[in-house]
Protein backbone atom coordinates (compact mmCIF):
# COMPACT_ATOMS: atom_id res chain seq x y z
CA MET A 1 1.63 -17.01 -13.79
CA GLU A 2 3.01 -15.91 -10.43
CA GLU A 3 4.31 -18.82 -8.38
CA LYS A 4 1.96 -19.70 -5.54
CA ASN A 5 3.12 -18.84 -2.02
CA LYS A 6 5.80 -16.54 -3.44
CA VAL A 7 5.32 -13.07 -1.98
CA LYS A 8 5.43 -10.23 -4.48
CA PRO A 9 6.38 -6.82 -3.02
CA ILE A 10 4.15 -3.93 -4.11
CA LYS A 11 5.23 -0.41 -3.21
CA VAL A 12 2.26 1.81 -2.36
CA VAL A 13 2.70 5.52 -1.67
CA LEU A 14 0.09 7.85 -0.15
CA ILE A 15 0.40 11.48 -1.20
CA GLY A 16 -1.57 14.66 -0.69
CA GLU A 17 -1.75 17.76 1.45
CA SER A 18 -0.97 17.73 5.15
CA GLY A 19 -4.05 16.99 7.26
CA VAL A 20 -6.03 15.03 4.66
CA GLY A 21 -5.76 11.85 6.75
CA LYS A 22 -3.01 9.78 5.11
CA THR A 23 -1.53 8.66 8.43
CA SER A 24 -4.96 7.85 9.86
CA ILE A 25 -5.79 5.71 6.81
CA ILE A 26 -2.62 3.65 7.23
CA THR A 27 -3.01 3.31 10.99
CA GLN A 28 -6.57 2.07 10.55
CA PHE A 29 -5.47 -0.46 7.92
CA ILE A 30 -2.44 -1.79 9.80
CA GLN A 31 -3.64 -1.56 13.42
CA GLN A 32 -7.44 -1.13 13.16
CA ILE A 33 -7.09 2.04 15.22
CA PHE A 34 -8.42 5.52 14.45
CA GLN A 35 -6.08 8.30 15.52
CA ILE A 36 -7.98 11.48 16.33
CA ASP A 37 -4.98 13.78 16.01
CA PRO A 38 -1.96 11.95 14.56
CA GLN A 39 1.42 13.66 14.55
CA SER A 40 2.37 15.19 11.20
CA THR A 41 4.59 12.95 9.10
CA ILE A 42 8.15 14.19 8.62
CA GLY A 43 9.64 12.63 5.51
CA GLY A 44 8.06 9.21 5.18
CA THR A 45 7.01 6.22 7.27
CA PHE A 46 6.84 2.61 6.13
CA SER A 47 4.41 -0.22 6.99
CA THR A 48 3.60 -3.60 5.46
CA LYS A 49 0.60 -5.89 5.05
CA ILE A 50 0.22 -9.27 3.33
CA ILE A 51 -2.73 -9.79 0.97
CA LYS A 52 -3.76 -13.18 -0.44
CA CYS A 53 -5.54 -13.07 -3.79
CA SER A 54 -7.99 -15.65 -5.09
CA ASN A 55 -5.65 -16.59 -7.95
CA GLY A 56 -3.01 -17.73 -5.44
CA MET A 57 -0.87 -14.61 -5.62
CA LEU A 58 0.51 -13.21 -2.36
CA LEU A 59 1.15 -9.48 -2.29
CA LYS A 60 3.23 -7.71 0.31
CA LEU A 61 1.96 -4.13 0.32
CA GLU A 62 4.84 -1.87 1.28
CA ILE A 63 2.93 1.27 2.25
CA TRP A 64 4.67 4.64 2.44
CA ASP A 65 3.12 7.63 4.18
CA THR A 66 4.65 10.89 2.95
CA ALA A 67 4.79 14.42 4.29
CA GLY A 68 2.34 16.85 2.74
CA GLN A 69 3.81 20.09 4.07
CA GLU A 70 5.01 22.47 1.39
CA ARG A 71 8.49 22.76 2.90
CA TYR A 72 9.12 19.05 2.23
CA ARG A 73 7.83 18.98 -1.35
CA SER A 74 11.24 19.16 -2.98
CA ILE A 75 12.46 16.18 -0.94
CA THR A 76 9.57 13.72 -0.74
CA LYS A 77 9.91 12.84 -4.43
CA MET A 78 12.53 10.27 -3.42
CA PHE A 79 9.77 8.23 -1.78
CA TYR A 80 7.84 7.92 -5.05
CA LYS A 81 10.53 6.03 -6.96
CA ASP A 82 9.64 2.45 -7.98
CA SER A 83 6.06 2.80 -6.70
CA SER A 84 3.48 0.43 -8.19
CA VAL A 85 0.51 2.27 -6.66
CA ALA A 86 -0.04 5.94 -5.80
CA ILE A 87 -2.99 6.83 -3.58
CA LEU A 88 -3.93 10.49 -4.02
CA VAL A 89 -5.82 11.56 -0.90
CA TYR A 90 -7.95 14.66 -0.44
CA ASP A 91 -10.23 15.88 2.36
CA ILE A 92 -13.83 16.35 1.19
CA THR A 93 -14.17 19.30 3.59
CA ASN A 94 -11.13 21.07 2.15
CA LYS A 95 -11.44 22.23 -1.47
CA PHE A 96 -7.80 23.32 -1.56
CA SER A 97 -6.62 19.76 -0.82
CA PHE A 98 -8.44 18.54 -3.94
CA GLU A 99 -7.22 21.42 -6.09
CA GLU A 100 -3.64 20.59 -5.13
CA LEU A 101 -4.16 16.99 -6.26
CA GLN A 102 -5.12 18.37 -9.66
CA ASN A 103 -2.52 21.13 -9.87
CA TYR A 104 0.49 19.61 -8.13
CA TRP A 105 0.48 16.09 -6.71
CA VAL A 106 -0.68 14.11 -9.75
CA ASN A 107 2.00 15.79 -11.88
CA GLN A 108 4.71 15.09 -9.33
CA ILE A 109 3.94 11.38 -9.12
CA LYS A 110 3.72 11.00 -12.90
CA GLU A 111 7.09 12.71 -13.34
CA VAL A 112 8.86 10.14 -11.19
CA CYS A 113 6.94 6.90 -11.68
CA SER A 114 6.45 4.60 -14.67
CA LYS A 115 3.47 4.62 -17.00
CA ASP A 116 2.31 1.34 -15.43
CA LEU A 117 1.64 3.09 -12.11
CA LEU A 118 -1.83 2.41 -10.70
CA LEU A 119 -3.43 5.66 -9.55
CA VAL A 120 -6.13 5.72 -6.87
CA VAL A 121 -8.06 8.86 -5.93
CA VAL A 122 -9.39 8.77 -2.37
CA ALA A 123 -12.00 11.12 -0.93
CA ASN A 124 -11.43 10.97 2.82
CA LYS A 125 -13.52 12.15 5.80
CA SER A 126 -16.86 11.10 4.30
CA ASP A 127 -18.29 11.10 7.84
CA LEU A 128 -18.18 14.90 7.60
CA PHE A 129 -20.41 15.00 4.52
CA GLU A 130 -22.40 17.96 5.86
CA ARG A 131 -19.22 20.06 5.49
CA GLU A 132 -18.38 18.82 2.00
CA GLU A 133 -16.62 21.35 -0.25
CA VAL A 134 -15.71 19.03 -3.14
CA ASN A 135 -18.40 17.71 -5.45
CA GLU A 136 -18.03 13.94 -5.71
CA GLU A 137 -18.84 13.87 -9.42
CA VAL A 138 -16.05 16.37 -10.11
CA ALA A 139 -13.63 14.15 -8.20
CA ARG A 140 -14.82 11.07 -10.10
CA GLU A 141 -14.21 12.85 -13.40
CA PHE A 142 -10.70 13.72 -12.23
CA ALA A 143 -10.07 10.05 -11.42
CA LYS A 144 -11.52 8.98 -14.77
CA LYS A 145 -9.19 11.38 -16.61
CA TYR A 146 -6.20 9.45 -15.26
CA ASN A 147 -7.83 6.00 -15.45
CA ALA A 148 -7.64 5.87 -11.66
CA LEU A 149 -9.67 3.92 -9.12
CA PHE A 150 -11.93 6.09 -6.95
CA HIS A 151 -12.93 5.45 -3.32
CA VAL A 152 -14.96 7.48 -0.84
CA ILE A 153 -13.86 6.62 2.69
CA THR A 154 -13.51 7.73 6.27
CA ALA A 155 -10.50 6.63 8.31
CA LYS A 156 -12.94 5.94 11.14
CA ASN A 157 -14.39 2.96 9.27
CA THR A 158 -12.19 -0.15 9.18
CA THR A 159 -14.26 -1.87 6.48
CA LEU A 160 -13.98 1.03 4.04
CA ILE A 161 -10.22 1.19 4.52
CA GLU A 162 -9.80 -2.56 4.08
CA ASN A 163 -11.95 -2.49 0.93
CA LEU A 164 -9.71 0.23 -0.50
CA PHE A 165 -6.56 -1.85 -0.20
CA LEU A 166 -8.26 -5.09 -1.21
CA ASP A 167 -9.58 -3.39 -4.34
CA ILE A 168 -6.05 -2.23 -5.14
CA SER A 169 -4.76 -5.78 -4.61
CA LYS A 170 -7.36 -7.22 -6.96
CA LYS A 171 -6.45 -4.69 -9.63
CA ILE A 172 -2.73 -5.42 -9.30
CA SER A 173 -3.12 -9.22 -9.28
CA GLY A 174 -6.01 -9.56 -11.72
CA ALA A 175 -7.84 -11.70 -9.15
CA ASP A 176 -11.59 -11.75 -8.47
CA SER A 177 -11.17 -11.37 -4.71
CA ALA A 178 -8.54 -10.80 -2.03
CA MET A 179 -8.17 -11.14 1.71
CA MET A 180 -5.74 -10.09 4.42
CA ILE A 181 -3.66 -12.74 6.16
CA ASP A 182 -1.27 -12.83 9.09
CA GLU A 183 2.40 -12.65 8.12
CA LYS A 184 3.23 -15.01 10.99
CA ALA A 185 1.18 -17.74 9.33
CA LEU A 186 3.61 -17.63 6.38
CA ASN A 187 6.69 -17.88 8.61
CA LEU A 188 8.12 -14.81 6.91
CA LYS A 189 11.15 -13.05 8.31
CA PRO A 190 10.65 -9.38 7.49
CA LYS A 191 13.76 -7.43 6.56
CA ARG A 192 12.40 -4.35 8.28
CA LYS A 193 10.26 -3.69 11.30
CA ARG A 194 6.52 -3.23 10.84
CA SER A 195 6.91 0.54 10.84
CA ASP A 196 10.16 2.29 9.93
CA SER A 197 10.51 6.03 9.53
CA VAL A 198 12.88 8.27 7.65
CA SER A 199 13.52 11.77 8.92
CA LEU A 200 14.23 14.69 6.65
CA LYS A 201 15.41 16.93 9.47
CA GLY A 202 18.86 18.32 8.98
CA ASP A 203 20.20 17.12 12.33
CA SER A 204 23.45 15.34 13.16
CA ASN A 205 21.75 11.92 13.13
CA HIS A 206 20.45 12.28 9.58
CA LYS A 207 23.59 10.77 8.03
CA ASN A 208 22.93 7.54 9.94
CA ASN A 209 19.42 7.06 8.52
CA ARG A 210 18.94 4.30 5.97
CA LYS A 211 18.09 5.36 2.44
CA PHE A 212 15.06 3.91 0.74
CA CYS A 213 14.52 4.09 -3.01
């Protein structure tokens, strides 16, 4: 049994093609803000959120947003290491983004992470259902193949995003329910700022960046 009031870190990584909405999902979850046109992620960015589960377990979700551009594919693997949860995101209006989950991203994450990894398949941009290119049942079968959770969301809807991460927290903790709480109420002293970023640009400042594993 996990000791009550002891915070357990859970590394969560979002992966998928550029433009599927990974950054918007995280921004909505952390800040309750929808970004219409967020800047493309270079490398990876890091955010945290505390979840309290009904069995007394406290989870600190350490959420990594990774670059989806093809030119970064050989490098972003380093962000997958030690992940407990991998959220595979596709855009329902972009068939290619789903095909790449099947053909590339799921294999990459399984190469690096342990067999205990929790996979979650997320169909984003459900508000654009009239432009849907990916059959939901096909996506559900894909998730079922890997014993993954499946969520249909839009980053515009705070409730859907919160339910996604609360569902993940319940699965990880084995609890019946979960809720978000304020880190300040726990008097925690975070080791990192709320949002840190790691650049993969080959500039002169790169050697000064911290390494995350």
